Amino acid sequence: MPVVLYAARAAERVTPMRPLATIAMIALAGLAGSPIRAQEAAPPAPLQADENARAEALFQNGANYLQGRGVPQDDAEAARWFRLAAEQGLAVAQAVLGSLYLEGRGVPQDIAEAVQWLRLGAEQGEADAQSNLGTLYVDGRGVSPDLSEATRWFRLAAEQGNANAQFNLALLFANGRGVVRDDAQAARWYRLAAEQGHDHAQNNLGLLYEHGRGVPQDYAEAAHWYRLAAEQGHAGAHNNIGILYENGYGVPRDYSAALRWYRVAAERRDPDAYYNLGLMYWNGRGVTHDDAAAARFFLLAAERGHVGAQINLGTLYSDGRGVARDYVEALRWYRLAAEQGLANAQYNMAVMYFDGRGVPQDYEEAARWFRLAAEQGLANAQAALGLLYRTGRGVSHNDEEAVGWTRLAAEQGHADAQFFTGIHYSEGYGVQQDHVESARWFRLAAEQGHVDAQTQTGLSYAAAQGVLWDPVLAHMWFNIATTNGSDEAREFRERIVQAMTPEQLARATELAQACMASNYRTCAR
């Protein structure tokens, strides 16, 4: 069982939930002398004009201490003034005080106290408080996790133009969390935040344009939004522009340009960029092929939890490419990727246990990892698990389980599984004997170059099992299998010749040549 090499990029490069709005962003609204925001939603007991003016003055004092404007910077003193304003019902002060408790800035960190003040501000319509409260419901900090409640608060803030809330609401729609997945809605909210300069939203809107999700696919538009985010220093956007250049999406393919963008992102410690640089060295794109350099970049990404880098690094250690061969180290990296749920890594873990590489041979542990990967639909793992059930290694012998898992892999086009499915039907192993089905599965595997299946397909025609007797097609498949190295097929070919005319023999030879020249795409039936 070979170890799988994983070199595919992650299809999604969506950033995690946006951090809470910073305290400084909220406090500065008062410093500039602008109106206190979101006062349209009045509290149950509205402040009188003089009370409101006093509360705003108290808030202003807090903002001055927070920013060190005209007074020494002092978070604790800022918190004291914000509390005085918050206790008078000023929503923006409640929002800021809640943020201070969240971060433990000027006050001891206290999530419950933070929730209390944020909720008071949010219920008065303070957008930053609503956005931050929504994030707490996503994370389950100080409240029970509740994506529906998070969506409600994000929407209230987003409809007031809060960019963080717009971004977070878009994320929920993009990932179907708390709402029905809706890429068009995700694109709408990303755009609103992106147009306000929100770098994460700009990057993710670019992703939607790149993949045509919720918007028409448009690489030029994707590049536009990536560049806006990149200009703000967004590492992921630099990486994504590199991907456009590497693949020639909307720009001429240019490996040198791709490398430049990846390196800028890597300087910002972006795991995807480390990973992509590793792939460039692995594949020799824009640089001389260099497994050692690939290993260094994969290590940087793998240490930051990048699942693709972890499995690739494991493969380099398993093969001794760019690093000294070390099965124990290979197993360690495979395990990290497998525990993140990567099916290919789970399969590789199973292979290591099956073969006893880097770990004592353990068929039961191999079966466990094969099953985890098989349940995710990985054809290699399904075929392997079927074989274990057929041979009773690591699991109890079970014909029905063997047939079921093998059939699942066969239906995905796995050639070995198609061959064994043909064997199952030919022998009546775990299924009703059916030569028509066996001939069909043998043929499917044969057309993928499976030598044993090519021999069996020849036998089907020679013995009229599941197909009409046809010495020409029998000879064609025996000839192909012989060319591919089967001594058994050579013997069968010599026997069938005795039942053929010179014209039939010439025709069979011609058909075999045409079949192989087409890479089995146009083989006679």
Protein backbone atom coordinates (compact mmCIF):
# COMPACT_ATOMS: atom_id res chain seq x y z
CA MET A 1 0.00 0.00 0.00
CA PRO A 2 1.71 3.21 -1.11
CA VAL A 3 1.87 6.34 0.97
CA VAL A 4 -0.22 9.13 -0.52
CA LEU A 5 1.56 12.32 -1.52
CA TYR A 6 -0.54 15.39 -0.81
CA ALA A 7 0.28 18.47 -2.86
CA ALA A 8 -3.07 20.15 -3.40
CA ARG A 9 -3.75 23.67 -2.20
CA ALA A 10 -6.52 24.33 0.23
CA ALA A 11 -9.58 25.29 -1.80
CA GLU A 12 -10.59 27.88 0.76
CA ARG A 13 -8.42 30.55 2.26
CA VAL A 14 -11.06 32.22 4.42
CA THR A 15 -9.76 34.08 7.45
CA PRO A 16 -10.95 33.21 10.96
CA MET A 17 -13.57 35.21 12.82
CA ARG A 18 -12.51 38.86 12.92
CA PRO A 19 -11.16 39.90 16.34
CA LEU A 20 -13.24 42.16 18.55
CA ALA A 21 -13.32 45.82 17.62
CA THR A 22 -10.41 47.49 19.34
CA ILE A 23 -10.91 49.80 22.27
CA ALA A 24 -9.12 52.60 20.49
CA MET A 25 -11.52 52.46 17.55
CA ILE A 26 -14.48 52.94 19.84
CA ALA A 27 -12.97 55.61 22.06
CA LEU A 28 -11.72 57.78 19.23
CA ALA A 29 -15.27 58.46 18.08
CA GLY A 30 -15.71 60.75 21.06
CA LEU A 31 -12.30 62.37 20.81
CA ALA A 32 -12.95 63.80 17.37
CA GLY A 33 -15.98 65.69 18.62
CA SER A 34 -18.32 63.68 16.43
CA PRO A 35 -21.83 62.80 17.65
CA ILE A 36 -22.14 59.79 19.91
CA ARG A 37 -23.11 56.95 17.58
CA ALA A 38 -26.27 54.89 17.49
CA GLN A 39 -28.36 57.06 19.77
CA GLU A 40 -31.45 56.46 17.61
CA ALA A 41 -32.27 53.39 19.72
CA ALA A 42 -32.96 55.13 23.02
CA PRO A 43 -32.48 53.41 26.39
CA PRO A 44 -35.54 52.72 28.54
CA ALA A 45 -34.81 55.81 30.66
CA PRO A 46 -33.28 58.35 28.26
CA LEU A 47 -30.69 60.78 29.50
CA GLN A 48 -31.78 64.37 29.81
CA ALA A 49 -29.80 66.94 27.87
CA ASP A 50 -27.66 68.03 30.82
CA GLU A 51 -27.18 64.42 31.94
CA ASN A 52 -26.14 63.44 28.43
CA ALA A 53 -23.65 66.30 28.28
CA ARG A 54 -22.18 65.27 31.63
CA ALA A 55 -21.94 61.62 30.52
CA GLU A 56 -20.21 62.66 27.29
CA ALA A 57 -17.75 64.77 29.28
CA LEU A 58 -16.98 61.83 31.53
CA PHE A 59 -16.50 59.65 28.46
CA GLN A 60 -14.20 62.27 26.94
CA ASN A 61 -12.03 62.21 30.06
CA GLY A 62 -11.77 58.43 29.77
CA ALA A 63 -10.83 58.70 26.10
CA ASN A 64 -8.13 61.26 26.93
CA TYR A 65 -6.57 58.97 29.54
CA LEU A 66 -6.84 55.98 27.21
CA GLN A 67 -4.99 57.82 24.45
CA GLY A 68 -2.73 59.97 26.64
CA ARG A 69 -4.05 63.19 25.13
CA GLY A 70 -3.26 66.15 27.44
CA VAL A 71 -2.79 63.78 30.37
CA PRO A 72 -0.47 60.84 31.09
CA GLN A 73 -1.71 57.66 29.44
CA ASP A 74 -3.42 55.59 32.16
CA ASP A 75 -5.70 52.64 31.40
CA ALA A 76 -6.94 52.32 34.97
CA GLU A 77 -7.88 56.01 35.11
CA ALA A 78 -9.53 55.69 31.70
CA ALA A 79 -11.60 52.75 32.98
CA ARG A 80 -12.70 54.77 36.00
CA TRP A 81 -14.03 57.61 33.83
CA PHE A 82 -15.65 55.23 31.36
CA ARG A 83 -17.43 53.51 34.25
CA LEU A 84 -18.82 56.81 35.49
CA ALA A 85 -20.16 57.55 32.01
CA ALA A 86 -21.44 53.99 31.56
CA GLU A 87 -23.29 54.08 34.87
CA GLN A 88 -25.13 57.13 33.58
CA GLY A 89 -26.34 55.04 30.64
CA LEU A 90 -24.06 56.31 27.86
CA ALA A 91 -24.04 53.45 25.32
CA VAL A 92 -20.61 54.09 23.82
CA ALA A 93 -19.07 54.17 27.31
CA GLN A 94 -20.75 50.86 28.12
CA ALA A 95 -19.28 49.41 24.92
CA VAL A 96 -15.78 50.63 25.74
CA LEU A 97 -15.97 49.47 29.35
CA GLY A 98 -17.08 46.04 28.17
CA SER A 99 -14.08 45.90 25.83
CA LEU A 100 -11.73 46.87 28.67
CA TYR A 101 -13.04 43.98 30.77
CA LEU A 102 -12.64 41.64 27.81
CA GLU A 103 -8.98 42.55 27.38
CA GLY A 104 -8.17 43.08 31.06
CA ARG A 105 -6.99 46.59 30.26
CA GLY A 106 -7.11 48.99 33.20
CA VAL A 107 -9.32 46.50 35.03
CA PRO A 108 -8.96 42.80 35.90
CA GLN A 109 -10.11 40.67 32.98
CA ASP A 110 -13.69 39.64 33.69
CA ILE A 111 -15.70 38.12 30.82
CA ALA A 112 -18.98 38.13 32.77
CA GLU A 113 -18.57 41.85 33.53
CA ALA A 114 -17.69 42.43 29.89
CA VAL A 115 -20.87 40.71 28.72
CA GLN A 116 -22.95 42.77 31.12
CA TRP A 117 -21.64 46.12 29.86
CA LEU A 118 -21.60 45.11 26.21
CA ARG A 119 -25.21 43.95 26.44
CA LEU A 120 -26.28 47.26 27.99
CA GLY A 121 -24.62 49.14 25.17
CA ALA A 122 -25.89 46.74 22.52
CA GLU A 123 -29.48 47.01 23.71
CA GLN A 124 -29.22 50.78 23.23
CA GLY A 125 -28.12 50.22 19.64
CA GLU A 126 -24.35 50.79 20.05
CA ALA A 127 -22.97 49.03 16.97
CA ASP A 128 -19.52 48.17 18.34
CA ALA A 129 -21.12 46.61 21.42
CA GLN A 130 -23.50 44.63 19.22
CA SER A 131 -20.62 43.40 17.06
CA ASN A 132 -18.48 42.40 20.04
CA LEU A 133 -21.40 40.69 21.75
CA GLY A 134 -22.00 38.71 18.56
CA THR A 135 -18.39 37.53 18.60
CA LEU A 136 -18.78 36.34 22.20
CA TYR A 137 -21.80 34.27 21.16
CA VAL A 138 -19.75 32.71 18.35
CA ASP A 139 -16.89 31.84 20.70
CA GLY A 140 -19.03 30.94 23.71
CA ARG A 141 -17.12 33.34 25.97
CA GLY A 142 -19.18 34.47 28.96
CA VAL A 143 -22.32 33.16 27.27
CA SER A 144 -23.44 29.81 25.89
CA PRO A 145 -22.42 29.42 22.23
CA ASP A 146 -25.38 30.48 20.11
CA LEU A 147 -24.86 31.16 16.41
CA SER A 148 -28.43 32.36 15.95
CA GLU A 149 -27.93 34.98 18.64
CA ALA A 150 -24.55 35.89 17.16
CA THR A 151 -26.21 36.37 13.77
CA ARG A 152 -28.85 38.62 15.30
CA TRP A 153 -26.30 40.93 16.93
CA PHE A 154 -24.02 40.98 13.91
CA ARG A 155 -26.94 41.89 11.67
CA LEU A 156 -28.05 44.75 13.94
CA ALA A 157 -24.53 46.19 13.91
CA ALA A 158 -23.97 45.47 10.22
CA GLU A 159 -27.13 47.34 9.26
CA GLN A 160 -25.66 50.38 11.02
CA GLY A 161 -22.57 50.12 8.83
CA ASN A 162 -20.22 48.45 11.32
CA ALA A 163 -17.50 46.92 9.13
CA ASN A 164 -16.43 44.24 11.63
CA ALA A 165 -20.02 43.06 11.99
CA GLN A 166 -20.50 43.09 8.22
CA PHE A 167 -17.42 40.93 7.83
CA ASN A 168 -18.48 38.50 10.56
CA LEU A 169 -22.01 38.24 9.18
CA ALA A 170 -20.53 37.48 5.76
CA LEU A 171 -18.39 34.73 7.31
CA LEU A 172 -21.47 33.11 8.82
CA PHE A 173 -23.23 33.13 5.43
CA ALA A 174 -20.11 31.86 3.63
CA ASN A 175 -19.75 28.91 6.00
CA GLY A 176 -23.42 28.23 6.76
CA ARG A 177 -23.01 28.81 10.49
CA GLY A 178 -26.20 29.91 12.25
CA VAL A 179 -27.74 30.64 8.86
CA VAL A 180 -28.35 28.75 5.63
CA ARG A 181 -25.19 28.98 3.53
CA ASP A 182 -25.67 31.77 1.01
CA ASP A 183 -22.68 32.90 -1.02
CA ALA A 184 -24.60 35.82 -2.54
CA GLN A 185 -25.36 37.18 0.94
CA ALA A 186 -21.73 36.59 1.94
CA ALA A 187 -20.59 38.59 -1.08
CA ARG A 188 -23.01 41.41 -0.26
CA TRP A 189 -21.77 41.82 3.32
CA TYR A 190 -18.10 41.35 2.40
CA ARG A 191 -18.49 44.10 -0.19
CA LEU A 192 -20.01 46.53 2.29
CA ALA A 193 -17.14 45.95 4.71
CA ALA A 194 -14.53 45.92 1.93
CA GLU A 195 -15.71 49.28 0.63
CA GLN A 196 -14.97 50.66 4.10
CA GLY A 197 -11.39 49.39 3.81
CA HIS A 198 -11.77 46.22 5.87
CA ASP A 199 -8.74 44.20 4.70
CA HIS A 200 -10.08 40.77 5.65
CA ALA A 201 -13.31 41.50 3.81
CA GLN A 202 -11.38 42.69 0.76
CA ASN A 203 -9.39 39.45 0.74
CA ASN A 204 -12.45 37.23 1.15
CA LEU A 205 -14.40 39.13 -1.49
CA GLY A 206 -11.46 38.46 -3.78
CA LEU A 207 -11.80 34.76 -2.97
CA LEU A 208 -15.45 34.76 -3.96
CA TYR A 209 -14.59 36.36 -7.30
CA GLU A 210 -11.72 33.92 -7.84
CA HIS A 211 -13.97 30.90 -7.30
CA GLY A 212 -17.22 32.34 -8.67
CA ARG A 213 -19.11 31.92 -5.43
CA GLY A 214 -22.05 34.27 -5.00
CA VAL A 215 -20.67 36.44 -7.82
CA PRO A 216 -19.66 35.73 -11.43
CA GLN A 217 -16.13 34.35 -11.60
CA ASP A 218 -13.85 37.26 -12.42
CA TYR A 219 -10.11 36.94 -11.88
CA ALA A 220 -9.51 40.63 -12.59
CA GLU A 221 -11.98 41.60 -9.90
CA ALA A 222 -10.42 39.06 -7.54
CA ALA A 223 -7.00 40.61 -8.16
CA HIS A 224 -8.43 44.09 -7.55
CA TRP A 225 -9.69 43.19 -4.08
CA TYR A 226 -6.59 41.16 -3.23
CA ARG A 227 -4.40 44.13 -4.10
CA LEU A 228 -6.45 46.49 -1.91
CA ALA A 229 -6.03 44.09 1.01
CA ALA A 230 -2.35 43.56 0.21
CA GLU A 231 -1.74 47.31 0.27
CA GLN A 232 -2.86 47.22 3.89
CA GLY A 233 -0.36 44.47 4.64
CA HIS A 234 -2.79 41.52 4.58
CA ALA A 235 -0.47 38.50 4.25
CA GLY A 236 -3.15 36.19 2.91
CA ALA A 237 -3.89 38.61 0.09
CA HIS A 238 -0.22 38.63 -0.94
CA ASN A 239 -0.36 34.85 -0.98
CA ASN A 240 -3.55 34.84 -3.05
CA ILE A 241 -2.07 37.16 -5.67
CA GLY A 242 0.83 34.73 -5.87
CA ILE A 243 -1.63 31.92 -6.63
CA LEU A 244 -3.12 33.96 -9.48
CA TYR A 245 0.33 34.39 -11.04
CA GLU A 246 1.35 30.78 -10.48
CA ASN A 247 -1.75 29.47 -12.23
CA GLY A 248 -2.22 32.22 -14.81
CA TYR A 249 -5.64 33.20 -13.46
CA GLY A 250 -6.51 36.54 -15.06
CA VAL A 251 -2.81 37.34 -15.51
CA PRO A 252 -0.06 35.74 -17.62
CA ARG A 253 1.41 32.77 -15.79
CA ASP A 254 4.58 34.03 -14.13
CA TYR A 255 6.35 31.84 -11.59
CA SER A 256 8.84 34.58 -10.73
CA ALA A 257 6.03 36.98 -9.87
CA ALA A 258 4.28 34.25 -7.89
CA LEU A 259 7.45 33.67 -5.89
CA ARG A 260 7.77 37.40 -5.13
CA TRP A 261 4.24 37.58 -3.76
CA TYR A 262 4.63 34.36 -1.77
CA ARG A 263 7.85 35.66 -0.23
CA VAL A 264 6.23 38.92 0.85
CA ALA A 265 3.47 36.92 2.53
CA ALA A 266 6.03 34.57 4.07
CA GLU A 267 7.86 37.55 5.57
CA ARG A 268 4.60 38.16 7.44
CA ARG A 269 4.69 34.52 8.64
CA ASP A 270 1.68 33.44 6.58
CA PRO A 271 1.41 29.60 6.78
CA ASP A 272 -0.18 29.30 3.32
CA ALA A 273 2.71 31.26 1.83
CA TYR A 274 5.29 29.02 3.50
CA TYR A 275 3.39 26.03 2.15
CA ASN A 276 3.16 27.42 -1.37
CA LEU A 277 6.86 28.27 -1.39
CA GLY A 278 7.51 24.68 -0.35
CA LEU A 279 5.44 23.49 -3.32
CA MET A 280 7.34 25.78 -5.70
CA TYR A 281 10.65 24.23 -4.63
CA TRP A 282 9.14 20.75 -4.62
CA ASN A 283 7.85 21.14 -8.18
CA GLY A 284 10.74 23.29 -9.45
CA ARG A 285 8.48 26.16 -10.48
CA GLY A 286 10.42 29.36 -10.96
CA VAL A 287 13.28 27.86 -8.97
CA THR A 288 15.54 24.85 -9.26
CA HIS A 289 13.91 21.74 -7.82
CA ASP A 290 15.12 21.52 -4.22
CA ASP A 291 13.60 19.04 -1.76
CA ALA A 292 15.66 20.42 1.13
CA ALA A 293 14.27 23.93 0.56
CA ALA A 294 10.78 22.47 0.21
CA ALA A 295 11.22 20.69 3.54
CA ARG A 296 12.30 23.93 5.25
CA PHE A 297 9.25 25.82 4.06
CA PHE A 298 6.90 22.91 4.81
CA LEU A 299 8.33 22.82 8.33
CA LEU A 300 7.59 26.51 8.85
CA ALA A 301 4.01 25.98 7.72
CA ALA A 302 3.58 22.67 9.54
CA GLU A 303 4.69 24.17 12.85
CA ARG A 304 1.87 26.67 12.43
CA GLY A 305 -0.69 23.91 11.98
CA HIS A 306 -0.90 23.85 8.17
CA VAL A 307 -2.36 20.43 7.45
CA GLY A 308 -1.08 20.18 3.86
CA ALA A 309 2.45 21.03 4.98
CA GLN A 310 2.26 18.46 7.76
CA ILE A 311 1.40 15.59 5.44
CA ASN A 312 3.93 16.68 2.82
CA LEU A 313 6.67 16.97 5.44
CA GLY A 314 5.73 13.50 6.63
CA THR A 315 6.09 12.22 3.07
CA LEU A 316 9.54 13.79 2.72
CA TYR A 317 10.66 12.07 5.93
CA SER A 318 9.11 8.79 4.78
CA ASP A 319 10.90 8.95 1.42
CA GLY A 320 14.13 10.54 2.67
CA ARG A 321 13.81 13.44 0.27
CA GLY A 322 15.43 16.69 1.39
CA VAL A 323 15.78 15.25 4.88
CA ALA A 324 17.23 12.06 6.31
CA ARG A 325 14.72 9.22 6.12
CA ASP A 326 13.00 8.97 9.49
CA TYR A 327 9.80 6.94 9.77
CA VAL A 328 9.22 8.05 13.37
CA GLU A 329 9.32 11.70 12.31
CA ALA A 330 7.15 10.93 9.28
CA LEU A 331 4.59 9.30 11.56
CA ARG A 332 4.62 12.31 13.88
CA TRP A 333 3.73 14.73 11.10
CA TYR A 334 1.16 12.38 9.57
CA ARG A 335 -0.48 12.08 12.97
CA LEU A 336 -0.76 15.85 13.40
CA ALA A 337 -2.47 16.15 10.01
CA ALA A 338 -4.61 13.07 10.63
CA GLU A 339 -5.83 14.43 13.95
CA GLN A 340 -7.01 17.51 12.08
CA GLY A 341 -9.21 15.18 10.02
CA LEU A 342 -7.24 15.06 6.76
CA ALA A 343 -8.27 11.81 5.09
CA ASN A 344 -5.02 11.36 3.14
CA ALA A 345 -3.02 11.69 6.36
CA GLN A 346 -5.28 9.18 8.09
CA TYR A 347 -4.65 6.81 5.19
CA ASN A 348 -0.89 7.33 5.49
CA MET A 349 -1.07 6.65 9.23
CA ALA A 350 -2.82 3.38 8.42
CA VAL A 351 -0.14 2.42 5.91
CA MET A 352 2.59 3.06 8.49
CA TYR A 353 0.85 0.80 11.01
CA PHE A 354 0.09 -1.81 8.34
CA ASP A 355 3.74 -1.96 7.23
CA GLY A 356 5.25 -1.41 10.69
CA ARG A 357 7.21 1.67 9.68
CA GLY A 358 8.14 3.97 12.55
CA VAL A 359 5.84 1.99 14.80
CA PRO A 360 5.30 -1.71 15.64
CA GLN A 361 3.11 -3.41 13.03
CA ASP A 362 -0.50 -3.23 14.21
CA TYR A 363 -3.28 -4.30 11.86
CA GLU A 364 -6.02 -3.21 14.27
CA GLU A 365 -4.63 0.32 14.44
CA ALA A 366 -4.21 0.28 10.67
CA ALA A 367 -7.86 -0.70 10.28
CA ARG A 368 -8.92 2.12 12.61
CA TRP A 369 -7.14 4.76 10.54
CA PHE A 370 -8.28 3.23 7.24
CA ARG A 371 -11.86 3.40 8.50
CA LEU A 372 -11.58 7.07 9.49
CA ALA A 373 -10.32 7.93 6.01
CA ALA A 374 -12.78 5.58 4.29
CA GLU A 375 -15.72 7.18 6.08
CA GLN A 376 -14.64 10.49 4.55
CA GLY A 377 -14.91 8.90 1.10
CA LEU A 378 -11.22 8.33 0.35
CA ALA A 379 -11.15 5.59 -2.29
CA ASN A 380 -7.69 4.29 -1.37
CA ALA A 381 -8.80 3.79 2.21
CA GLN A 382 -12.09 2.16 1.20
CA ALA A 383 -10.22 -0.33 -1.01
CA ALA A 384 -7.71 -1.06 1.76
CA LEU A 385 -10.43 -1.56 4.36
CA GLY A 386 -12.24 -3.92 2.01
CA LEU A 387 -9.02 -5.94 1.68
CA LEU A 388 -8.67 -6.15 5.47
CA TYR A 389 -12.21 -7.49 5.78
CA ARG A 390 -11.52 -9.98 2.97
CA THR A 391 -8.34 -11.27 4.67
CA GLY A 392 -9.44 -10.81 8.30
CA ARG A 393 -6.44 -8.69 9.25
CA GLY A 394 -7.12 -6.16 12.01
CA VAL A 395 -10.85 -6.86 11.73
CA SER A 396 -13.02 -9.97 11.80
CA HIS A 397 -13.39 -11.59 8.39
CA ASN A 398 -16.62 -10.31 6.86
CA ASP A 399 -17.56 -10.91 3.24
CA GLU A 400 -20.34 -8.32 3.15
CA GLU A 401 -18.14 -5.60 4.64
CA ALA A 402 -15.35 -6.49 2.22
CA VAL A 403 -17.69 -6.25 -0.77
CA GLY A 404 -19.32 -3.04 0.49
CA TRP A 405 -16.13 -1.05 1.05
CA THR A 406 -14.50 -2.37 -2.12
CA ARG A 407 -17.57 -1.46 -4.16
CA LEU A 408 -17.54 2.11 -2.78
CA ALA A 409 -13.95 2.53 -3.96
CA ALA A 410 -14.71 0.89 -7.30
CA GLU A 411 -17.55 3.33 -7.95
CA GLN A 412 -15.03 6.17 -7.52
CA GLY A 413 -12.87 4.66 -10.27
CA HIS A 414 -10.27 2.92 -8.07
CA ALA A 415 -8.75 0.34 -10.44
CA ASP A 416 -7.71 -2.24 -7.81
CA ALA A 417 -11.16 -2.02 -6.23
CA GLN A 418 -12.82 -2.45 -9.63
CA PHE A 419 -10.69 -5.56 -10.24
CA PHE A 420 -11.58 -7.07 -6.85
CA THR A 421 -15.25 -6.20 -7.35
CA GLY A 422 -15.02 -8.19 -10.57
CA ILE A 423 -13.49 -11.07 -8.59
CA HIS A 424 -16.31 -10.86 -6.04
CA TYR A 425 -18.98 -11.21 -8.72
CA SER A 426 -17.02 -13.88 -10.59
CA GLU A 427 -16.63 -16.04 -7.46
CA GLY A 428 -19.92 -15.15 -5.77
CA TYR A 429 -17.91 -13.77 -2.87
CA GLY A 430 -20.29 -11.84 -0.59
CA VAL A 431 -22.67 -11.27 -3.53
CA GLN A 432 -24.76 -13.35 -5.91
CA GLN A 433 -22.48 -14.75 -8.63
CA ASP A 434 -22.94 -12.63 -11.75
CA HIS A 435 -20.55 -13.00 -14.68
CA VAL A 436 -22.04 -10.03 -16.52
CA GLU A 437 -21.20 -7.78 -13.58
CA SER A 438 -17.78 -9.33 -13.17
CA ALA A 439 -16.96 -8.75 -16.85
CA ARG A 440 -18.12 -5.14 -16.54
CA TRP A 441 -15.88 -4.41 -13.54
CA PHE A 442 -12.90 -6.22 -15.08
CA ARG A 443 -13.28 -4.10 -18.20
CA LEU A 444 -13.44 -0.84 -16.23
CA ALA A 445 -10.22 -1.71 -14.43
CA ALA A 446 -8.59 -2.96 -17.64
CA GLU A 447 -9.24 0.38 -19.33
CA GLN A 448 -7.27 2.03 -16.53
CA GLY A 449 -4.24 -0.13 -17.32
CA HIS A 450 -4.76 -2.74 -14.58
CA VAL A 451 -2.79 -5.71 -15.93
CA ASP A 452 -4.59 -8.46 -14.00
CA ALA A 453 -7.93 -6.99 -15.04
CA GLN A 454 -6.77 -6.94 -18.66
CA THR A 455 -5.98 -10.65 -18.39
CA GLN A 456 -9.36 -11.33 -16.78
CA THR A 457 -11.15 -9.35 -19.49
CA GLY A 458 -9.43 -11.51 -22.07
CA LEU A 459 -10.58 -14.61 -20.19
CA SER A 460 -14.16 -13.30 -20.13
CA TYR A 461 -14.16 -13.15 -23.93
CA ALA A 462 -12.30 -16.47 -24.29
CA ALA A 463 -14.71 -18.34 -22.01
CA ALA A 464 -17.89 -16.37 -22.89
CA GLN A 465 -18.42 -15.45 -19.25
CA GLY A 466 -20.67 -12.42 -19.04
CA VAL A 467 -19.94 -11.50 -22.67
CA LEU A 468 -20.25 -13.22 -26.05
CA TRP A 469 -17.38 -15.45 -27.09
CA ASP A 470 -14.97 -13.37 -29.16
CA PRO A 471 -11.45 -14.67 -29.86
CA VAL A 472 -10.42 -11.36 -31.45
CA LEU A 473 -11.21 -9.33 -28.32
CA ALA A 474 -9.81 -12.07 -26.10
CA HIS A 475 -6.51 -11.97 -28.03
CA MET A 476 -6.53 -8.15 -27.98
CA TRP A 477 -6.68 -8.05 -24.16
CA PHE A 478 -4.21 -10.93 -23.72
CA ASN A 479 -1.84 -9.13 -26.07
CA ILE A 480 -2.18 -5.85 -24.14
CA ALA A 481 -1.62 -7.58 -20.78
CA THR A 482 1.40 -9.44 -22.22
CA THR A 483 2.88 -6.16 -23.41
CA ASN A 484 2.36 -4.82 -19.89
CA GLY A 485 4.35 -7.71 -18.41
CA SER A 486 1.91 -10.53 -17.67
CA ASP A 487 3.38 -13.99 -18.29
CA GLU A 488 0.01 -15.54 -17.52
CA ALA A 489 -1.60 -13.51 -20.31
CA ARG A 490 1.16 -14.62 -22.69
CA GLU A 491 0.18 -18.27 -22.14
CA PHE A 492 -3.50 -17.50 -22.71
CA ARG A 493 -2.66 -15.58 -25.87
CA GLU A 494 -0.77 -18.56 -27.28
CA ARG A 495 -3.76 -20.82 -26.62
CA ILE A 496 -6.39 -18.55 -28.19
CA VAL A 497 -4.30 -18.16 -31.36
CA GLN A 498 -5.05 -21.80 -32.12
CA ALA A 499 -8.74 -20.94 -32.54
CA MET A 500 -8.17 -17.91 -34.79
CA THR A 501 -7.85 -17.33 -38.51
CA PRO A 502 -4.95 -15.23 -39.88
CA GLU A 503 -7.43 -12.44 -40.57
CA GLN A 504 -8.72 -12.52 -37.00
CA LEU A 505 -5.17 -12.50 -35.66
CA ALA A 506 -4.25 -9.47 -37.76
CA ARG A 507 -7.41 -7.69 -36.64
CA ALA A 508 -6.73 -8.45 -32.96
CA THR A 509 -3.18 -7.14 -33.24
CA GLU A 510 -4.43 -3.96 -34.92
CA LEU A 511 -7.07 -3.43 -32.21
CA ALA A 512 -4.53 -3.95 -29.42
CA GLN A 513 -2.19 -1.35 -30.92
CA ALA A 514 -5.02 1.17 -31.34
CA CYS A 515 -6.26 0.57 -27.80
CA MET A 516 -2.85 1.17 -26.23
CA ALA A 517 -2.12 4.16 -28.48
CA SER A 518 -5.31 5.81 -27.20
CA ASN A 519 -4.29 5.09 -23.59
CA TYR A 520 -7.27 2.73 -23.38
CA ARG A 521 -9.80 5.44 -24.29
CA THR A 522 -10.96 3.84 -27.56
CA CYS A 523 -10.68 0.10 -27.07
CA ALA A 524 -12.87 -2.14 -29.20
CA ARG A 525 -15.91 -3.75 -27.61
